[in-house]
Structures are given as structure tokens and as C-alpha cells.
Amino acid sequence: MRRVMVITAVLAVGLAIGGYVFFSGERKVPVRYRSAVVERGSVISLVTATGTINPVVSVQVGTQVSGMIKSLHADFNSVVKAGDIVAVIDPEPFKARRDQAASNLEMSKANVARSKTDLAQRKRELDRVKSLVAQQYVSERRRRGGDEFPGGRGAGQRGRGASETG
């Protein structure tokens, strides 16, 4: 019995709220027209509106490199044409990298020249030792690196390299 009372009370409250919303809800104001006699005169037009303005053409602008902007030649909504400079990127970091690469290249060229000179010197030493071994002025053990060659460097490293290349 109690259950039936609760359901009836909920239905009554729902019908009351629904009736109130339906009968006293938002009503549209009827459209009213005003008629006037036709006259000659200047037309005055005033339009006010709010909202969002969308561009006719939207263009994404990008760069091939990134960096700090040194100068900016265009602003938001500026009119630009193809080929116009919009911004200048600071060239100093790129110049520094270029100079570093140029100095690395020069250092590598110097290393190549030094290596060529060392190779020529080692070939001369190898030829000299070979001729001395052929004349039996130098022992086979010394040629293979057992003793030091004249010049103060150990033959352990040079002798092995010399015998492998010869």
C-alpha cells in the first residue's frame, strides 16, 4: 500500500512540474511589422554584429631551418606576396658551425699530409733495413723487432709493421 502511495506522489509532482513548464514556459514574441509611406531620400545603413571572422584564404608558413629571429618584417594579418621576406633568422650560429667545419677540414688535411710523410719515412726505413739484411749487416732478429733501430724508436712497433708491409 505504501508503495502505491509513493508512486502516486511522484506522478503528481511530475505532472505539476510538467504543467508549469508547458503553460508558463518561454513564449515567442510575435513579429511586428511597421508600414510606412514610400519616400525619396538617402539610404542610411548601419550593421552591428558579433561573432568570428574567418579568413578567405589561410596559409601555413614554415622554414627550412630553425633559429632565433633577428628581425621580423611582417605582423599578424599583414598582406605579403610570394618572395617577400617575412623574418630574418640570426646567422651567427650557422656561421660558427661553418667555421668549425672549415677548421676540422684543415686539421684533417694536415693529418693526411703528416700520415703521408710518416708513410714515406717508414718505407725508406724498410728499404734501408732490407738492403742491410741482404748484405747481412743487420740480423734477422733485429729486422723483426728484437732490437732498436737507429733513430731512437722501438722496433717492436715499426719492425712488425715494416715486415708486414714488405
C-alpha atoms as a PDB file:
ATOM      1  CA  MET A   1       0.000   0.000   0.000  1.00  0.00           C
ATOM      2  CA  ARG A   2       2.786   2.295   0.892  1.00  0.00           C
ATOM      3  CA  ARG A   3       4.428   1.604  -2.449  1.00  0.00           C
ATOM      4  CA  VAL A   4       1.355   2.732  -4.334  1.00  0.00           C
ATOM      5  CA  MET A   5       1.295   5.990  -2.342  1.00  0.00           C
ATOM      6  CA  VAL A   6       4.926   6.775  -3.192  1.00  0.00           C
ATOM      7  CA  ILE A   7       4.359   6.135  -6.904  1.00  0.00           C
ATOM      8  CA  THR A   8       1.222   8.299  -6.889  1.00  0.00           C
ATOM      9  CA  ALA A   9       3.045  11.139  -5.128  1.00  0.00           C
ATOM     10  CA  VAL A  10       5.948  11.032  -7.638  1.00  0.00           C
ATOM     11  CA  LEU A  11       3.493  11.081 -10.572  1.00  0.00           C
ATOM     12  CA  ALA A  12       1.603  14.023  -9.074  1.00  0.00           C
ATOM     13  CA  VAL A  13       4.805  16.047  -8.582  1.00  0.00           C
ATOM     14  CA  GLY A  14       5.927  15.196 -12.145  1.00  0.00           C
ATOM     15  CA  LEU A  15       2.569  16.280 -13.599  1.00  0.00           C
ATOM     16  CA  ALA A  16       2.708  19.525 -11.639  1.00  0.00           C
ATOM     17  CA  ILE A  17       6.214  20.390 -12.879  1.00  0.00           C
ATOM     18  CA  GLY A  18       5.353  19.415 -16.464  1.00  0.00           C
ATOM     19  CA  GLY A  19       2.171  21.516 -16.437  1.00  0.00           C
ATOM     20  CA  TYR A  20       4.030  24.540 -15.078  1.00  0.00           C
ATOM     21  CA  VAL A  21       6.771  24.300 -17.733  1.00  0.00           C
ATOM     22  CA  PHE A  22       4.277  23.730 -20.546  1.00  0.00           C
ATOM     23  CA  PHE A  23       1.854  26.508 -19.711  1.00  0.00           C
ATOM     24  CA  SER A  24       4.208  29.167 -18.381  1.00  0.00           C
ATOM     25  CA  GLY A  25       7.282  28.311 -20.474  1.00  0.00           C
ATOM     26  CA  GLU A  26       9.143  30.640 -22.813  1.00  0.00           C
ATOM     27  CA  ARG A  27       6.810  32.244 -25.286  1.00  0.00           C
ATOM     28  CA  LYS A  28       7.917  33.756 -28.561  1.00  0.00           C
ATOM     29  CA  VAL A  29       7.206  37.375 -29.088  1.00  0.00           C
ATOM     30  CA  PRO A  30       5.061  37.823 -32.182  1.00  0.00           C
ATOM     31  CA  VAL A  31       6.791  39.527 -35.097  1.00  0.00           C
ATOM     32  CA  ARG A  32       5.506  43.046 -35.633  1.00  0.00           C
ATOM     33  CA  TYR A  33       5.801  44.898 -38.891  1.00  0.00           C
ATOM     34  CA  ARG A  34       5.698  48.603 -39.320  1.00  0.00           C
ATOM     35  CA  SER A  35       4.446  50.027 -42.545  1.00  0.00           C
ATOM     36  CA  ALA A  36       5.317  53.472 -43.833  1.00  0.00           C
ATOM     37  CA  VAL A  37       4.735  55.601 -46.889  1.00  0.00           C
ATOM     38  CA  VAL A  38       7.417  55.371 -49.579  1.00  0.00           C
ATOM     39  CA  GLU A  39       9.669  58.421 -49.609  1.00  0.00           C
ATOM     40  CA  ARG A  40      12.731  59.519 -51.549  1.00  0.00           C
ATOM     41  CA  GLY A  41      15.932  60.123 -49.610  1.00  0.00           C
ATOM     42  CA  SER A  42      19.376  58.862 -48.828  1.00  0.00           C
ATOM     43  CA  VAL A  43      19.808  55.356 -47.522  1.00  0.00           C
ATOM     44  CA  ILE A  44      21.456  55.084 -44.159  1.00  0.00           C
ATOM     45  CA  SER A  45      22.692  51.649 -43.270  1.00  0.00           C
ATOM     46  CA  LEU A  46      24.220  50.601 -40.003  1.00  0.00           C
ATOM     47  CA  VAL A  47      25.107  46.990 -39.258  1.00  0.00           C
ATOM     48  CA  THR A  48      26.372  45.797 -35.935  1.00  0.00           C
ATOM     49  CA  ALA A  49      27.270  42.192 -35.329  1.00  0.00           C
ATOM     50  CA  THR A  50      29.321  39.981 -33.081  1.00  0.00           C
ATOM     51  CA  GLY A  51      30.961  36.728 -33.947  1.00  0.00           C
ATOM     52  CA  THR A  52      34.033  35.205 -35.519  1.00  0.00           C
ATOM     53  CA  ILE A  53      35.540  36.358 -38.781  1.00  0.00           C
ATOM     54  CA  ASN A  54      37.124  33.606 -40.841  1.00  0.00           C
ATOM     55  CA  PRO A  55      39.751  34.336 -43.494  1.00  0.00           C
ATOM     56  CA  VAL A  56      39.066  33.654 -47.150  1.00  0.00           C
ATOM     57  CA  VAL A  57      42.500  32.036 -47.567  1.00  0.00           C
ATOM     58  CA  SER A  58      44.610  30.709 -44.696  1.00  0.00           C
ATOM     59  CA  VAL A  59      48.265  29.895 -45.368  1.00  0.00           C
ATOM     60  CA  GLN A  60      50.695  27.968 -43.162  1.00  0.00           C
ATOM     61  CA  VAL A  61      54.217  29.403 -43.207  1.00  0.00           C
ATOM     62  CA  GLY A  62      57.267  27.307 -42.342  1.00  0.00           C
ATOM     63  CA  THR A  63      61.043  27.472 -42.534  1.00  0.00           C
ATOM     64  CA  GLN A  64      63.702  25.072 -43.725  1.00  0.00           C
ATOM     65  CA  VAL A  65      65.886  25.819 -40.704  1.00  0.00           C
ATOM     66  CA  SER A  66      65.091  26.885 -37.184  1.00  0.00           C
ATOM     67  CA  GLY A  67      66.767  29.500 -35.067  1.00  0.00           C
ATOM     68  CA  MET A  68      66.415  32.788 -33.236  1.00  0.00           C
ATOM     69  CA  ILE A  69      64.646  35.553 -35.189  1.00  0.00           C
ATOM     70  CA  LYS A  70      66.888  38.554 -35.825  1.00  0.00           C
ATOM     71  CA  SER A  71      64.234  40.787 -37.410  1.00  0.00           C
ATOM     72  CA  LEU A  72      60.546  40.441 -38.213  1.00  0.00           C
ATOM     73  CA  HIS A  73      59.179  42.178 -41.326  1.00  0.00           C
ATOM     74  CA  ALA A  74      55.516  41.129 -41.122  1.00  0.00           C
ATOM     75  CA  ASP A  75      52.894  41.119 -38.417  1.00  0.00           C
ATOM     76  CA  PHE A  76      49.670  39.212 -37.814  1.00  0.00           C
ATOM     77  CA  ASN A  77      47.208  39.810 -40.687  1.00  0.00           C
ATOM     78  CA  SER A  78      49.845  41.599 -42.798  1.00  0.00           C
ATOM     79  CA  VAL A  79      49.467  41.279 -46.533  1.00  0.00           C
ATOM     80  CA  VAL A  80      52.500  39.535 -48.038  1.00  0.00           C
ATOM     81  CA  LYS A  81      53.278  38.369 -51.546  1.00  0.00           C
ATOM     82  CA  ALA A  82      55.370  35.493 -52.824  1.00  0.00           C
ATOM     83  CA  GLY A  83      59.053  36.235 -52.368  1.00  0.00           C
ATOM     84  CA  ASP A  84      58.576  38.804 -49.573  1.00  0.00           C
ATOM     85  CA  ILE A  85      60.882  38.409 -46.581  1.00  0.00           C
ATOM     86  CA  VAL A  86      58.759  37.766 -43.526  1.00  0.00           C
ATOM     87  CA  ALA A  87      61.539  37.227 -40.969  1.00  0.00           C
ATOM     88  CA  VAL A  88      65.333  37.007 -40.824  1.00  0.00           C
ATOM     89  CA  ILE A  89      66.915  34.250 -38.744  1.00  0.00           C
ATOM     90  CA  ASP A  90      70.118  35.143 -36.843  1.00  0.00           C
ATOM     91  CA  PRO A  91      73.001  33.768 -38.981  1.00  0.00           C
ATOM     92  CA  GLU A  92      75.683  33.767 -36.245  1.00  0.00           C
ATOM     93  CA  PRO A  93      75.150  30.155 -35.025  1.00  0.00           C
ATOM     94  CA  PHE A  94      75.294  28.919 -38.624  1.00  0.00           C
ATOM     95  CA  LYS A  95      78.474  30.904 -39.329  1.00  0.00           C
ATOM     96  CA  ALA A  96      80.081  29.443 -36.206  1.00  0.00           C
ATOM     97  CA  ARG A  97      79.219  25.895 -37.320  1.00  0.00           C
ATOM     98  CA  ARG A  98      80.573  26.633 -40.805  1.00  0.00           C
ATOM     99  CA  ASP A  99      83.836  27.978 -39.369  1.00  0.00           C
ATOM    100  CA  GLN A 100      84.150  24.939 -37.092  1.00  0.00           C
ATOM    101  CA  ALA A 101      83.649  22.592 -40.040  1.00  0.00           C
ATOM    102  CA  ALA A 102      86.248  24.512 -42.079  1.00  0.00           C
ATOM    103  CA  SER A 103      88.808  24.225 -39.258  1.00  0.00           C
ATOM    104  CA  ASN A 104      88.048  20.493 -38.921  1.00  0.00           C
ATOM    105  CA  LEU A 105      88.668  20.115 -42.650  1.00  0.00           C
ATOM    106  CA  GLU A 106      92.015  21.922 -42.416  1.00  0.00           C
ATOM    107  CA  MET A 107      93.030  19.769 -39.455  1.00  0.00           C
ATOM    108  CA  SER A 108      92.089  16.615 -41.368  1.00  0.00           C
ATOM    109  CA  LYS A 109      94.138  17.755 -44.378  1.00  0.00           C
ATOM    110  CA  ALA A 110      97.131  18.360 -42.095  1.00  0.00           C
ATOM    111  CA  ASN A 111      96.700  14.874 -40.591  1.00  0.00           C
ATOM    112  CA  VAL A 112      96.639  13.342 -44.067  1.00  0.00           C
ATOM    113  CA  ALA A 113      99.840  15.188 -45.019  1.00  0.00           C
ATOM    114  CA  ARG A 114     101.520  14.065 -41.777  1.00  0.00           C
ATOM    115  CA  SER A 115     100.425  10.471 -42.368  1.00  0.00           C
ATOM    116  CA  LYS A 116     101.824  10.560 -45.913  1.00  0.00           C
ATOM    117  CA  THR A 117     105.131  11.877 -44.579  1.00  0.00           C
ATOM    118  CA  ASP A 118     105.244   9.138 -41.913  1.00  0.00           C
ATOM    119  CA  LEU A 119     104.468   6.507 -44.546  1.00  0.00           C
ATOM    120  CA  ALA A 120     107.269   7.748 -46.795  1.00  0.00           C
ATOM    121  CA  GLN A 121     109.706   7.729 -43.843  1.00  0.00           C
ATOM    122  CA  ARG A 122     108.736   4.177 -42.887  1.00  0.00           C
ATOM    123  CA  LYS A 123     109.130   2.999 -46.477  1.00  0.00           C
ATOM    124  CA  ARG A 124     112.625   4.500 -46.562  1.00  0.00           C
ATOM    125  CA  GLU A 125     113.488   2.778 -43.275  1.00  0.00           C
ATOM    126  CA  LEU A 126     112.084  -0.526 -44.558  1.00  0.00           C
ATOM    127  CA  ASP A 127     114.102  -0.295 -47.775  1.00  0.00           C
ATOM    128  CA  ARG A 128     117.223   0.540 -45.767  1.00  0.00           C
ATOM    129  CA  VAL A 129     116.736  -2.404 -43.399  1.00  0.00           C
ATOM    130  CA  LYS A 130     116.031  -4.763 -46.302  1.00  0.00           C
ATOM    131  CA  SER A 131     119.250  -3.724 -48.015  1.00  0.00           C
ATOM    132  CA  LEU A 132     121.175  -4.113 -44.751  1.00  0.00           C
ATOM    133  CA  VAL A 133     119.686  -7.598 -44.208  1.00  0.00           C
ATOM    134  CA  ALA A 134     120.560  -8.577 -47.768  1.00  0.00           C
ATOM    135  CA  GLN A 135     124.175  -7.519 -47.115  1.00  0.00           C
ATOM    136  CA  GLN A 136     123.971  -9.261 -43.712  1.00  0.00           C
ATOM    137  CA  TYR A 137     124.792  -6.098 -41.771  1.00  0.00           C
ATOM    138  CA  VAL A 138     121.591  -6.457 -39.715  1.00  0.00           C
ATOM    139  CA  SER A 139     120.455  -9.706 -38.101  1.00  0.00           C
ATOM    140  CA  GLU A 140     117.085 -11.230 -38.956  1.00  0.00           C
ATOM    141  CA  ARG A 141     116.068 -10.869 -35.295  1.00  0.00           C
ATOM    142  CA  ARG A 142     116.756  -7.118 -35.372  1.00  0.00           C
ATOM    143  CA  ARG A 143     114.777  -6.774 -38.603  1.00  0.00           C
ATOM    144  CA  ARG A 144     111.788  -8.466 -36.940  1.00  0.00           C
ATOM    145  CA  GLY A 145     111.874  -6.116 -33.966  1.00  0.00           C
ATOM    146  CA  GLY A 146     114.119  -7.646 -31.378  1.00  0.00           C
ATOM    147  CA  ASP A 147     116.384  -4.603 -31.070  1.00  0.00           C
ATOM    148  CA  GLU A 148     116.014  -0.909 -31.618  1.00  0.00           C
ATOM    149  CA  PHE A 149     116.586   0.690 -34.971  1.00  0.00           C
ATOM    150  CA  PRO A 150     118.777   3.734 -35.261  1.00  0.00           C
ATOM    151  CA  GLY A 151     116.703   6.815 -34.635  1.00  0.00           C
ATOM    152  CA  GLY A 152     115.635   6.068 -31.075  1.00  0.00           C
ATOM    153  CA  ARG A 153     112.234   4.464 -31.715  1.00  0.00           C
ATOM    154  CA  GLY A 154     111.436   0.932 -30.674  1.00  0.00           C
ATOM    155  CA  ALA A 155     111.448  -1.589 -33.469  1.00  0.00           C
ATOM    156  CA  GLY A 156     108.737  -3.572 -31.773  1.00  0.00           C
ATOM    157  CA  GLN A 157     106.091  -1.467 -33.426  1.00  0.00           C
ATOM    158  CA  ARG A 158     107.876  -0.351 -36.569  1.00  0.00           C
ATOM    159  CA  GLY A 159     109.551  -3.646 -37.263  1.00  0.00           C
ATOM    160  CA  ARG A 160     106.302  -5.559 -37.262  1.00  0.00           C
ATOM    161  CA  GLY A 161     104.611  -3.008 -39.491  1.00  0.00           C
ATOM    162  CA  ALA A 162     107.618  -2.978 -41.796  1.00  0.00           C
ATOM    163  CA  SER A 163     107.759  -6.738 -42.151  1.00  0.00           C
ATOM    164  CA  GLU A 164     104.025  -6.987 -42.778  1.00  0.00           C
ATOM    165  CA  THR A 165     104.027  -4.337 -45.492  1.00  0.00           C
ATOM    166  CA  GLY A 166     107.239  -5.694 -47.107  1.00  0.00           C
END
